[in-house]
Amino acid sequence: MEQAYILIVCEIGTEHDLSSKLMDIDEIKNVMITYGDYDIVIEAETDDGTKMDDLITTKIRKLEKIRTTITLRVTN
């Protein structure tokens, strides 16, 4: 199992709309709107690294209004 926290910077004022879209993705377990350098922090979980890569590159980064992401993979 792969786990990661993904830090997202989005366009100003789009945090709530994006958080709703992110919660619709099955692999995303938690979405938190934050203040500071990052606008949203998500907790994600997939079966393996390949699926995590797919989640990040095809499901998250392709959403409109997302400017940048940083992924923090969790090791157990």
Protein backbone atom coordinates (compact mmCIF):
# COMPACT_ATOMS: atom_id res chain seq x y z
CA MET A 1 0.00 0.00 0.00
CA GLU A 2 1.21 3.53 -0.88
CA GLN A 3 0.30 6.55 1.20
CA ALA A 4 1.07 10.20 0.52
CA TYR A 5 0.25 13.72 1.57
CA ILE A 6 -0.07 16.05 -1.39
CA LEU A 7 0.33 19.81 -0.92
CA ILE A 8 -1.55 21.88 -3.49
CA VAL A 9 -1.32 25.51 -4.54
CA CYS A 10 -4.39 26.64 -6.46
CA GLU A 11 -5.76 29.82 -7.94
CA ILE A 12 -7.11 32.28 -5.35
CA GLY A 13 -10.69 31.60 -4.34
CA THR A 14 -10.92 28.10 -5.84
CA GLU A 15 -10.07 26.12 -2.69
CA HIS A 16 -13.61 25.03 -1.81
CA ASP A 17 -14.56 24.05 -5.36
CA LEU A 18 -11.35 22.06 -5.78
CA SER A 19 -11.74 20.35 -2.40
CA SER A 20 -15.17 19.07 -3.49
CA LYS A 21 -13.74 17.72 -6.75
CA LEU A 22 -10.85 16.07 -4.93
CA MET A 23 -13.17 14.31 -2.46
CA ASP A 24 -14.90 12.63 -5.41
CA ILE A 25 -11.66 10.74 -6.21
CA ASP A 26 -11.75 7.32 -4.49
CA GLU A 27 -8.05 7.21 -3.60
CA ILE A 28 -8.24 10.48 -1.67
CA LYS A 29 -9.05 9.83 1.97
CA ASN A 30 -8.99 13.35 3.40
CA VAL A 31 -8.95 16.93 2.07
CA MET A 32 -7.99 19.91 4.23
CA ILE A 33 -8.08 23.56 3.22
CA THR A 34 -5.13 25.38 4.77
CA TYR A 35 -3.67 28.87 4.96
CA GLY A 36 -0.11 29.80 4.13
CA ASP A 37 2.16 28.59 1.35
CA TYR A 38 -0.22 25.75 0.41
CA ASP A 39 -3.97 25.99 -0.10
CA ILE A 40 -5.02 22.34 0.17
CA VAL A 41 -3.47 19.27 1.77
CA ILE A 42 -4.80 15.86 0.79
CA GLU A 43 -4.18 12.41 2.18
CA ALA A 44 -4.10 9.74 -0.52
CA GLU A 45 -3.85 5.95 -0.49
CA THR A 46 -3.33 3.52 -3.38
CA ASP A 47 -2.44 -0.15 -3.79
CA ASP A 48 1.04 0.54 -5.19
CA GLY A 49 3.45 3.18 -6.47
CA THR A 50 2.28 2.96 -10.06
CA LYS A 51 -1.28 3.73 -9.03
CA MET A 52 -0.06 6.62 -6.86
CA ASP A 53 1.83 8.05 -9.83
CA ASP A 54 -1.32 7.72 -11.96
CA LEU A 55 -3.44 9.40 -9.28
CA ILE A 56 -1.09 12.37 -9.09
CA THR A 57 -0.41 12.85 -12.79
CA THR A 58 -3.80 12.05 -14.34
CA LYS A 59 -6.41 12.71 -11.67
CA ILE A 60 -5.03 15.53 -9.51
CA ARG A 61 -2.62 17.62 -11.60
CA LYS A 62 -5.03 17.76 -14.55
CA LEU A 63 -7.74 19.51 -12.52
CA GLU A 64 -8.25 23.10 -13.61
CA LYS A 65 -7.10 25.84 -11.23
CA ILE A 66 -4.29 23.77 -9.68
CA ARG A 67 -0.98 25.61 -10.03
CA THR A 68 1.52 23.29 -8.30
CA THR A 69 1.70 20.14 -6.20
CA ILE A 70 4.27 18.65 -3.86
CA THR A 71 3.97 14.99 -2.90
CA LEU A 72 5.21 13.67 0.42
CA ARG A 73 5.25 9.88 0.29
CA VAL A 74 4.82 8.03 3.57
CA THR A 75 6.91 4.98 4.41
CA ASN A 76 5.93 2.44 7.02
